[in-house]
Amino acid sequence: MVRVLFVCLGNICRSPTAEGVFRSLIQQAKLEDRIEVDSAGTHAYHLGDPPDPRAQAAAARRGIDLGGLRGRQTTLRDFHYFDYVIAMDRENYSHLLSRCPPELQYKVRLFMEFAPDYGHEDVPDPYYGGTTGFDRVLDMIEDAAAGLLREIHGYKHPAQGGGR
């Protein structure tokens, strides 16, 4: 079992979107029994809250339901439990490294490493922008999620010829 944790600031926009997108890819590839996915925030701003309605709407337009997800904060246990702790941006990456035991820091990665063609290290936070920001972020997340799944399991995105 490979375990993946997506992390942003408050766990209501980017990281739950990444969780939903990645969960959808896992289901399409029929890897639910091999890959576990979750999301969390580096801060406790939205504990127990559902994802931002704009994130839910953007994901729903692409057939992804985020409604059952709830915000939580990262814990020390996460660094031990998960194989990948994926930060949405450099700020959260730095925060995660500051809390992560040194021997486990190799698990902390930037999400956009898995979509290098973008030339960005960060998935921008759409929270303070308009609805188009959520669609742009979703595009980035879909590409990075496919790249991550390829790394984990040699998966090829359906848009690139499908299947494993």
N, C-alpha and C. Protein backbone atom coordinates (compact mmCIF):
# COMPACT_ATOMS: atom_id res chain seq x y z
N MET A 1 0.85 -1.19 0.00
CA MET A 1 0.00 0.00 0.00
C MET A 1 0.89 1.24 0.00
N VAL A 2 0.64 2.13 -0.94
CA VAL A 2 1.32 3.42 -0.99
C VAL A 2 0.33 4.45 -0.46
N ARG A 3 0.80 5.29 0.47
CA ARG A 3 -0.06 6.29 1.10
C ARG A 3 0.40 7.69 0.71
N VAL A 4 -0.56 8.52 0.26
CA VAL A 4 -0.27 9.86 -0.23
C VAL A 4 -1.10 10.87 0.55
N LEU A 5 -0.44 11.92 1.04
CA LEU A 5 -1.10 13.02 1.74
C LEU A 5 -0.82 14.31 0.99
N PHE A 6 -1.89 15.02 0.60
CA PHE A 6 -1.77 16.32 -0.04
C PHE A 6 -1.97 17.40 1.02
N VAL A 7 -1.13 18.45 0.98
CA VAL A 7 -1.16 19.46 2.04
C VAL A 7 -1.14 20.87 1.46
N CYS A 8 -2.08 21.69 1.92
CA CYS A 8 -2.06 23.12 1.64
C CYS A 8 -2.20 23.85 2.98
N LEU A 9 -2.54 25.11 2.95
CA LEU A 9 -2.59 25.91 4.16
C LEU A 9 -3.75 25.52 5.08
N GLY A 10 -4.99 25.60 4.57
CA GLY A 10 -6.15 25.37 5.41
C GLY A 10 -6.95 24.12 5.11
N ASN A 11 -6.58 23.40 4.06
CA ASN A 11 -7.23 22.16 3.67
C ASN A 11 -8.69 22.36 3.25
N ILE A 12 -8.94 23.47 2.51
CA ILE A 12 -10.29 23.65 1.96
C ILE A 12 -10.30 23.96 0.46
N CYS A 13 -9.14 24.18 -0.14
CA CYS A 13 -9.11 24.48 -1.57
C CYS A 13 -8.22 23.50 -2.33
N ARG A 14 -6.92 23.72 -2.28
CA ARG A 14 -6.00 22.96 -3.12
C ARG A 14 -5.84 21.50 -2.70
N SER A 15 -5.57 21.25 -1.43
CA SER A 15 -5.30 19.86 -1.04
C SER A 15 -6.53 18.96 -1.13
N PRO A 16 -7.74 19.40 -0.76
CA PRO A 16 -8.87 18.50 -0.97
C PRO A 16 -9.18 18.31 -2.46
N THR A 17 -8.91 19.33 -3.27
CA THR A 17 -9.07 19.16 -4.71
C THR A 17 -8.10 18.11 -5.22
N ALA A 18 -6.86 18.17 -4.77
CA ALA A 18 -5.86 17.17 -5.17
C ALA A 18 -6.27 15.78 -4.69
N GLU A 19 -6.79 15.70 -3.46
CA GLU A 19 -7.25 14.40 -2.96
C GLU A 19 -8.35 13.85 -3.86
N GLY A 20 -9.34 14.68 -4.20
CA GLY A 20 -10.44 14.23 -5.03
C GLY A 20 -10.00 13.81 -6.43
N VAL A 21 -9.13 14.61 -7.04
CA VAL A 21 -8.63 14.29 -8.37
C VAL A 21 -7.82 13.00 -8.33
N PHE A 22 -6.94 12.88 -7.35
CA PHE A 22 -6.08 11.69 -7.26
C PHE A 22 -6.91 10.44 -6.97
N ARG A 23 -7.90 10.58 -6.10
CA ARG A 23 -8.80 9.45 -5.80
C ARG A 23 -9.52 9.00 -7.08
N SER A 24 -9.94 9.95 -7.90
CA SER A 24 -10.60 9.62 -9.15
C SER A 24 -9.66 8.86 -10.09
N LEU A 25 -8.42 9.32 -10.19
CA LEU A 25 -7.44 8.62 -11.03
C LEU A 25 -7.16 7.21 -10.51
N ILE A 26 -7.08 7.07 -9.21
CA ILE A 26 -6.85 5.76 -8.60
C ILE A 26 -8.00 4.81 -8.95
N GLN A 27 -9.23 5.33 -8.87
CA GLN A 27 -10.39 4.51 -9.20
C GLN A 27 -10.39 4.12 -10.67
N GLN A 28 -10.08 5.07 -11.55
CA GLN A 28 -10.03 4.77 -12.98
C GLN A 28 -9.00 3.69 -13.29
N ALA A 29 -7.88 3.73 -12.56
CA ALA A 29 -6.80 2.76 -12.77
C ALA A 29 -7.02 1.48 -11.98
N LYS A 30 -8.12 1.44 -11.22
CA LYS A 30 -8.45 0.27 -10.39
C LYS A 30 -7.32 -0.07 -9.41
N LEU A 31 -6.84 0.98 -8.74
CA LEU A 31 -5.74 0.82 -7.78
C LEU A 31 -6.15 1.16 -6.35
N GLU A 32 -7.46 1.15 -6.09
CA GLU A 32 -7.94 1.52 -4.75
C GLU A 32 -7.35 0.63 -3.66
N ASP A 33 -7.02 -0.60 -3.98
CA ASP A 33 -6.47 -1.51 -2.98
C ASP A 33 -4.96 -1.35 -2.82
N ARG A 34 -4.35 -0.46 -3.64
CA ARG A 34 -2.90 -0.29 -3.59
C ARG A 34 -2.45 1.10 -3.18
N ILE A 35 -3.35 2.09 -3.32
CA ILE A 35 -2.99 3.48 -3.03
C ILE A 35 -4.05 4.10 -2.13
N GLU A 36 -3.61 4.68 -1.04
CA GLU A 36 -4.49 5.40 -0.11
C GLU A 36 -4.18 6.89 -0.22
N VAL A 37 -5.21 7.72 -0.14
CA VAL A 37 -5.03 9.16 -0.30
C VAL A 37 -5.80 9.92 0.77
N ASP A 38 -5.23 11.05 1.20
CA ASP A 38 -5.85 11.91 2.20
C ASP A 38 -5.35 13.33 1.93
N SER A 39 -5.89 14.29 2.66
CA SER A 39 -5.42 15.67 2.57
C SER A 39 -5.49 16.31 3.94
N ALA A 40 -4.70 17.38 4.11
CA ALA A 40 -4.63 18.08 5.39
C ALA A 40 -4.10 19.49 5.14
N GLY A 41 -4.18 20.30 6.17
CA GLY A 41 -3.64 21.65 6.11
C GLY A 41 -2.51 21.81 7.12
N THR A 42 -1.62 22.74 6.84
CA THR A 42 -0.55 23.01 7.80
C THR A 42 -1.06 23.82 9.00
N HIS A 43 -2.19 24.47 8.82
CA HIS A 43 -2.77 25.29 9.90
C HIS A 43 -4.19 24.81 10.21
N ALA A 44 -4.66 25.17 11.37
CA ALA A 44 -5.96 24.69 11.87
C ALA A 44 -7.09 25.68 11.60
N TYR A 45 -7.03 26.38 10.48
CA TYR A 45 -8.04 27.40 10.18
C TYR A 45 -9.43 26.83 9.91
N HIS A 46 -9.52 25.65 9.34
CA HIS A 46 -10.81 25.14 8.87
C HIS A 46 -11.07 23.71 9.32
N LEU A 47 -10.73 23.39 10.54
CA LEU A 47 -10.91 22.03 11.04
C LEU A 47 -12.38 21.62 10.94
N GLY A 48 -12.63 20.48 10.31
CA GLY A 48 -13.98 19.95 10.19
C GLY A 48 -14.82 20.59 9.10
N ASP A 49 -14.29 21.62 8.42
CA ASP A 49 -15.06 22.30 7.39
C ASP A 49 -14.99 21.54 6.06
N PRO A 50 -16.04 21.61 5.26
CA PRO A 50 -15.98 21.03 3.92
C PRO A 50 -15.11 21.92 3.02
N PRO A 51 -14.71 21.42 1.87
CA PRO A 51 -13.96 22.26 0.92
C PRO A 51 -14.76 23.50 0.53
N ASP A 52 -14.04 24.52 0.15
CA ASP A 52 -14.62 25.77 -0.32
C ASP A 52 -15.66 25.46 -1.41
N PRO A 53 -16.84 26.11 -1.36
CA PRO A 53 -17.87 25.84 -2.37
C PRO A 53 -17.38 26.05 -3.81
N ARG A 54 -16.47 27.00 -4.02
CA ARG A 54 -15.95 27.23 -5.37
C ARG A 54 -15.07 26.06 -5.82
N ALA A 55 -14.30 25.48 -4.89
CA ALA A 55 -13.50 24.30 -5.21
C ALA A 55 -14.41 23.12 -5.52
N GLN A 56 -15.45 22.96 -4.72
CA GLN A 56 -16.40 21.88 -4.97
C GLN A 56 -17.09 22.03 -6.33
N ALA A 57 -17.48 23.25 -6.66
CA ALA A 57 -18.17 23.49 -7.94
C ALA A 57 -17.24 23.21 -9.12
N ALA A 58 -16.00 23.68 -9.04
CA ALA A 58 -15.05 23.45 -10.14
C ALA A 58 -14.80 21.96 -10.31
N ALA A 59 -14.62 21.24 -9.21
CA ALA A 59 -14.39 19.80 -9.29
C ALA A 59 -15.63 19.08 -9.82
N ALA A 60 -16.80 19.49 -9.38
CA ALA A 60 -18.05 18.85 -9.81
C ALA A 60 -18.25 18.99 -11.32
N ARG A 61 -17.84 20.13 -11.87
CA ARG A 61 -17.95 20.32 -13.33
C ARG A 61 -17.11 19.29 -14.08
N ARG A 62 -16.15 18.68 -13.40
CA ARG A 62 -15.29 17.66 -14.02
C ARG A 62 -15.60 16.26 -13.48
N GLY A 63 -16.74 16.16 -12.80
CA GLY A 63 -17.19 14.84 -12.34
C GLY A 63 -16.53 14.36 -11.05
N ILE A 64 -15.98 15.28 -10.27
CA ILE A 64 -15.30 14.90 -9.02
C ILE A 64 -16.06 15.49 -7.85
N ASP A 65 -16.45 14.64 -6.91
CA ASP A 65 -17.21 15.06 -5.73
C ASP A 65 -16.28 15.24 -4.54
N LEU A 66 -16.22 16.46 -4.02
CA LEU A 66 -15.41 16.77 -2.84
C LEU A 66 -16.25 16.93 -1.59
N GLY A 67 -17.56 16.77 -1.71
CA GLY A 67 -18.48 17.09 -0.63
C GLY A 67 -18.27 16.34 0.67
N GLY A 68 -17.76 15.13 0.62
CA GLY A 68 -17.58 14.34 1.84
C GLY A 68 -16.28 14.61 2.57
N LEU A 69 -15.41 15.45 2.00
CA LEU A 69 -14.12 15.72 2.63
C LEU A 69 -14.28 16.79 3.71
N ARG A 70 -13.43 16.71 4.73
CA ARG A 70 -13.45 17.68 5.83
C ARG A 70 -12.03 18.08 6.18
N GLY A 71 -11.87 19.36 6.51
CA GLY A 71 -10.56 19.90 6.81
C GLY A 71 -9.97 19.33 8.09
N ARG A 72 -8.66 19.06 8.03
CA ARG A 72 -7.92 18.64 9.21
C ARG A 72 -6.51 19.21 9.11
N GLN A 73 -5.82 19.20 10.22
CA GLN A 73 -4.45 19.70 10.27
C GLN A 73 -3.47 18.52 10.26
N THR A 74 -2.30 18.74 9.67
CA THR A 74 -1.27 17.71 9.68
C THR A 74 -0.83 17.42 11.12
N THR A 75 -0.37 16.20 11.33
CA THR A 75 0.13 15.79 12.63
C THR A 75 1.49 15.12 12.45
N LEU A 76 2.21 14.92 13.51
CA LEU A 76 3.49 14.22 13.46
C LEU A 76 3.29 12.81 12.92
N ARG A 77 2.20 12.18 13.26
CA ARG A 77 1.91 10.83 12.77
C ARG A 77 1.89 10.76 11.25
N ASP A 78 1.43 11.83 10.59
CA ASP A 78 1.36 11.85 9.13
C ASP A 78 2.71 11.57 8.49
N PHE A 79 3.78 12.11 9.06
CA PHE A 79 5.11 11.91 8.48
C PHE A 79 5.55 10.45 8.57
N HIS A 80 5.08 9.76 9.58
CA HIS A 80 5.41 8.34 9.74
C HIS A 80 4.51 7.45 8.88
N TYR A 81 3.24 7.83 8.78
CA TYR A 81 2.24 6.98 8.12
C TYR A 81 2.31 7.07 6.60
N PHE A 82 2.43 8.27 6.06
CA PHE A 82 2.34 8.47 4.61
C PHE A 82 3.71 8.30 3.94
N ASP A 83 3.68 7.76 2.72
CA ASP A 83 4.89 7.60 1.92
C ASP A 83 5.24 8.87 1.16
N TYR A 84 4.21 9.60 0.77
CA TYR A 84 4.36 10.89 0.10
C TYR A 84 3.59 11.92 0.90
N VAL A 85 4.26 13.02 1.27
CA VAL A 85 3.61 14.17 1.90
C VAL A 85 3.82 15.31 0.90
N ILE A 86 2.77 15.63 0.15
CA ILE A 86 2.87 16.49 -1.02
C ILE A 86 2.37 17.90 -0.69
N ALA A 87 3.28 18.87 -0.73
CA ALA A 87 2.95 20.27 -0.46
C ALA A 87 2.50 20.96 -1.74
N MET A 88 1.49 21.79 -1.62
CA MET A 88 0.97 22.52 -2.77
C MET A 88 1.85 23.70 -3.16
N ASP A 89 2.65 24.21 -2.24
CA ASP A 89 3.51 25.35 -2.55
C ASP A 89 4.73 25.35 -1.64
N ARG A 90 5.67 26.25 -1.95
CA ARG A 90 6.93 26.31 -1.20
C ARG A 90 6.73 26.73 0.25
N GLU A 91 5.76 27.59 0.52
CA GLU A 91 5.52 28.01 1.90
C GLU A 91 5.09 26.81 2.76
N ASN A 92 4.14 26.03 2.26
CA ASN A 92 3.71 24.85 3.01
C ASN A 92 4.79 23.77 3.03
N TYR A 93 5.57 23.67 1.98
CA TYR A 93 6.70 22.75 1.93
C TYR A 93 7.68 23.08 3.07
N SER A 94 8.04 24.35 3.21
CA SER A 94 8.95 24.77 4.28
C SER A 94 8.36 24.49 5.65
N HIS A 95 7.07 24.77 5.80
CA HIS A 95 6.41 24.52 7.08
C HIS A 95 6.43 23.02 7.41
N LEU A 96 6.16 22.20 6.42
CA LEU A 96 6.18 20.75 6.64
C LEU A 96 7.58 20.28 7.04
N LEU A 97 8.60 20.76 6.33
CA LEU A 97 9.97 20.36 6.66
C LEU A 97 10.36 20.77 8.08
N SER A 98 9.87 21.92 8.52
CA SER A 98 10.20 22.38 9.88
C SER A 98 9.57 21.51 10.96
N ARG A 99 8.51 20.80 10.62
CA ARG A 99 7.82 19.93 11.59
C ARG A 99 8.16 18.46 11.42
N CYS A 100 8.79 18.11 10.31
CA CYS A 100 9.05 16.72 9.97
C CYS A 100 10.36 16.24 10.60
N PRO A 101 10.36 15.04 11.19
CA PRO A 101 11.62 14.48 11.68
C PRO A 101 12.63 14.40 10.53
N PRO A 102 13.89 14.74 10.79
CA PRO A 102 14.90 14.77 9.72
C PRO A 102 14.99 13.48 8.91
N GLU A 103 14.84 12.35 9.55
CA GLU A 103 14.98 11.08 8.83
C GLU A 103 13.80 10.78 7.90
N LEU A 104 12.73 11.59 7.98
CA LEU A 104 11.55 11.37 7.13
C LEU A 104 11.35 12.49 6.11
N GLN A 105 12.25 13.46 6.08
CA GLN A 105 12.06 14.62 5.19
C GLN A 105 12.08 14.26 3.71
N TYR A 106 12.65 13.12 3.36
CA TYR A 106 12.64 12.69 1.97
C TYR A 106 11.22 12.46 1.45
N LYS A 107 10.25 12.28 2.34
CA LYS A 107 8.87 12.05 1.94
C LYS A 107 8.16 13.32 1.50
N VAL A 108 8.66 14.48 1.93
CA VAL A 108 8.02 15.77 1.66
C VAL A 108 8.45 16.25 0.27
N ARG A 109 7.47 16.46 -0.59
CA ARG A 109 7.73 16.86 -1.98
C ARG A 109 6.80 18.01 -2.36
N LEU A 110 7.19 18.76 -3.37
CA LEU A 110 6.32 19.76 -3.97
C LEU A 110 5.48 19.10 -5.06
N PHE A 111 4.19 19.37 -5.08
CA PHE A 111 3.28 18.72 -6.01
C PHE A 111 3.66 18.97 -7.47
N MET A 112 4.07 20.20 -7.79
CA MET A 112 4.34 20.53 -9.18
C MET A 112 5.62 19.87 -9.71
N GLU A 113 6.37 19.18 -8.87
CA GLU A 113 7.49 18.36 -9.36
C GLU A 113 6.97 17.30 -10.34
N PHE A 114 5.73 16.93 -10.18
CA PHE A 114 5.13 15.87 -10.99
C PHE A 114 4.50 16.39 -12.28
N ALA A 115 4.56 17.70 -12.49
CA ALA A 115 4.09 18.33 -13.73
C ALA A 115 5.10 19.39 -14.14
N PRO A 116 6.33 18.98 -14.45
CA PRO A 116 7.40 19.95 -14.69
C PRO A 116 7.20 20.84 -15.91
N ASP A 117 6.33 20.45 -16.83
CA ASP A 117 6.11 21.27 -18.02
C ASP A 117 5.49 22.63 -17.71
N TYR A 118 4.87 22.75 -16.53
CA TYR A 118 4.28 24.04 -16.15
C TYR A 118 5.34 25.09 -15.85
N GLY A 119 6.50 24.66 -15.38
CA GLY A 119 7.53 25.62 -15.01
C GLY A 119 7.22 26.37 -13.73
N HIS A 120 6.30 25.84 -12.92
CA HIS A 120 5.94 26.45 -11.63
C HIS A 120 6.27 25.47 -10.52
N GLU A 121 6.70 26.01 -9.39
CA GLU A 121 6.89 25.17 -8.22
C GLU A 121 5.63 25.14 -7.36
N ASP A 122 4.80 26.16 -7.49
CA ASP A 122 3.64 26.31 -6.61
C ASP A 122 2.32 26.14 -7.36
N VAL A 123 1.37 25.50 -6.68
CA VAL A 123 -0.03 25.55 -7.10
C VAL A 123 -0.57 26.79 -6.40
N PRO A 124 -0.97 27.82 -7.13
CA PRO A 124 -1.41 29.06 -6.48
C PRO A 124 -2.68 28.86 -5.66
N ASP A 125 -2.78 29.60 -4.57
CA ASP A 125 -3.96 29.52 -3.72
C ASP A 125 -5.09 30.33 -4.37
N PRO A 126 -6.19 29.68 -4.77
CA PRO A 126 -7.27 30.40 -5.44
C PRO A 126 -8.25 31.06 -4.47
N TYR A 127 -8.05 30.93 -3.17
CA TYR A 127 -9.03 31.34 -2.17
C TYR A 127 -9.46 32.80 -2.32
N TYR A 128 -8.52 33.70 -2.55
CA TYR A 128 -8.86 35.13 -2.60
C TYR A 128 -9.13 35.63 -4.02
N GLY A 129 -9.10 34.74 -4.98
CA GLY A 129 -9.36 35.13 -6.37
C GLY A 129 -10.77 34.78 -6.78
N GLY A 130 -11.03 34.91 -8.05
CA GLY A 130 -12.35 34.59 -8.59
C GLY A 130 -12.47 33.11 -8.90
N THR A 131 -13.60 32.75 -9.49
CA THR A 131 -13.87 31.34 -9.80
C THR A 131 -12.93 30.79 -10.86
N THR A 132 -12.41 31.62 -11.76
CA THR A 132 -11.51 31.11 -12.79
C THR A 132 -10.22 30.57 -12.18
N GLY A 133 -9.82 31.11 -11.04
CA GLY A 133 -8.62 30.61 -10.37
C GLY A 133 -8.77 29.15 -9.96
N PHE A 134 -9.97 28.75 -9.60
CA PHE A 134 -10.21 27.36 -9.20
C PHE A 134 -10.09 26.42 -10.39
N ASP A 135 -10.53 26.87 -11.56
CA ASP A 135 -10.39 26.05 -12.76
C ASP A 135 -8.92 25.92 -13.17
N ARG A 136 -8.18 27.00 -13.08
CA ARG A 136 -6.75 26.97 -13.41
C ARG A 136 -6.02 26.02 -12.47
N VAL A 137 -6.30 26.13 -11.18
CA VAL A 137 -5.68 25.25 -10.18
C VAL A 137 -6.05 23.80 -10.46
N LEU A 138 -7.29 23.57 -10.83
CA LEU A 138 -7.74 22.20 -11.14
C LEU A 138 -6.97 21.63 -12.33
N ASP A 139 -6.71 22.45 -13.35
CA ASP A 139 -5.91 22.00 -14.49
C ASP A 139 -4.52 21.56 -14.02
N MET A 140 -3.89 22.38 -13.19
CA MET A 140 -2.55 22.07 -12.69
C MET A 140 -2.57 20.78 -11.86
N ILE A 141 -3.57 20.68 -11.00
CA ILE A 141 -3.68 19.51 -10.12
C ILE A 141 -3.91 18.24 -10.94
N GLU A 142 -4.75 18.31 -11.96
CA GLU A 142 -4.98 17.11 -12.78
C GLU A 142 -3.68 16.63 -13.43
N ASP A 143 -2.89 17.56 -13.95
CA ASP A 143 -1.63 17.18 -14.60
C ASP A 143 -0.62 16.63 -13.59
N ALA A 144 -0.49 17.30 -12.45
CA ALA A 144 0.46 16.83 -11.43
C ALA A 144 0.02 15.50 -10.84
N ALA A 145 -1.29 15.31 -10.66
CA ALA A 145 -1.79 14.04 -10.12
C ALA A 145 -1.48 12.89 -11.07
N ALA A 146 -1.64 13.12 -12.37
CA ALA A 146 -1.30 12.08 -13.35
C ALA A 146 0.19 11.78 -13.29
N GLY A 147 1.02 12.80 -13.13
CA GLY A 147 2.47 12.59 -13.01
C GLY A 147 2.84 11.82 -11.76
N LEU A 148 2.19 12.13 -10.66
CA LEU A 148 2.43 11.41 -9.41
C LEU A 148 2.03 9.94 -9.55
N LEU A 149 0.87 9.71 -10.15
CA LEU A 149 0.42 8.34 -10.31
C LEU A 149 1.36 7.55 -11.23
N ARG A 150 1.89 8.22 -12.26
CA ARG A 150 2.88 7.56 -13.12
C ARG A 150 4.11 7.16 -12.30
N GLU A 151 4.56 8.05 -11.42
CA GLU A 151 5.72 7.73 -10.59
C GLU A 151 5.42 6.55 -9.67
N ILE A 152 4.26 6.57 -9.07
CA ILE A 152 3.92 5.52 -8.10
C ILE A 152 3.69 4.18 -8.79
N HIS A 153 3.01 4.20 -9.91
CA HIS A 153 2.58 2.90 -10.46
C HIS A 153 2.75 2.76 -11.96
N GLY A 154 3.57 3.56 -12.57
CA GLY A 154 3.72 3.42 -14.01
C GLY A 154 2.45 3.67 -14.77
N TYR A 155 1.57 4.49 -14.19
CA TYR A 155 0.25 4.79 -14.77
C TYR A 155 0.40 5.78 -15.91
N LYS A 156 -0.43 5.63 -16.94
CA LYS A 156 -0.48 6.59 -18.03
C LYS A 156 -1.87 7.20 -18.06
N HIS A 157 -1.93 8.54 -18.05
CA HIS A 157 -3.20 9.27 -18.01
C HIS A 157 -4.07 8.88 -19.22
N PRO A 158 -5.40 8.73 -19.00
CA PRO A 158 -6.30 8.35 -20.10
C PRO A 158 -6.16 9.28 -21.31
N ALA A 159 -5.90 10.57 -21.09
CA ALA A 159 -5.76 11.51 -22.20
C ALA A 159 -4.48 11.25 -23.00
N GLN A 160 -3.57 10.47 -22.43
CA GLN A 160 -2.30 10.17 -23.10
C GLN A 160 -2.28 8.73 -23.62
N GLY A 161 -3.41 8.14 -23.79
CA GLY A 161 -3.44 6.79 -24.30
C GLY A 161 -3.95 5.77 -23.32
N GLY A 162 -4.29 6.24 -22.11
CA GLY A 162 -5.00 5.43 -21.12
C GLY A 162 -4.27 4.27 -20.51
N GLY A 163 -4.80 3.87 -19.38
CA GLY A 163 -4.44 2.64 -18.70
C GLY A 163 -3.01 2.55 -18.21
N ARG A 164 -2.71 1.37 -17.67
CA ARG A 164 -1.38 1.13 -17.10
C ARG A 164 -0.45 0.56 -18.14
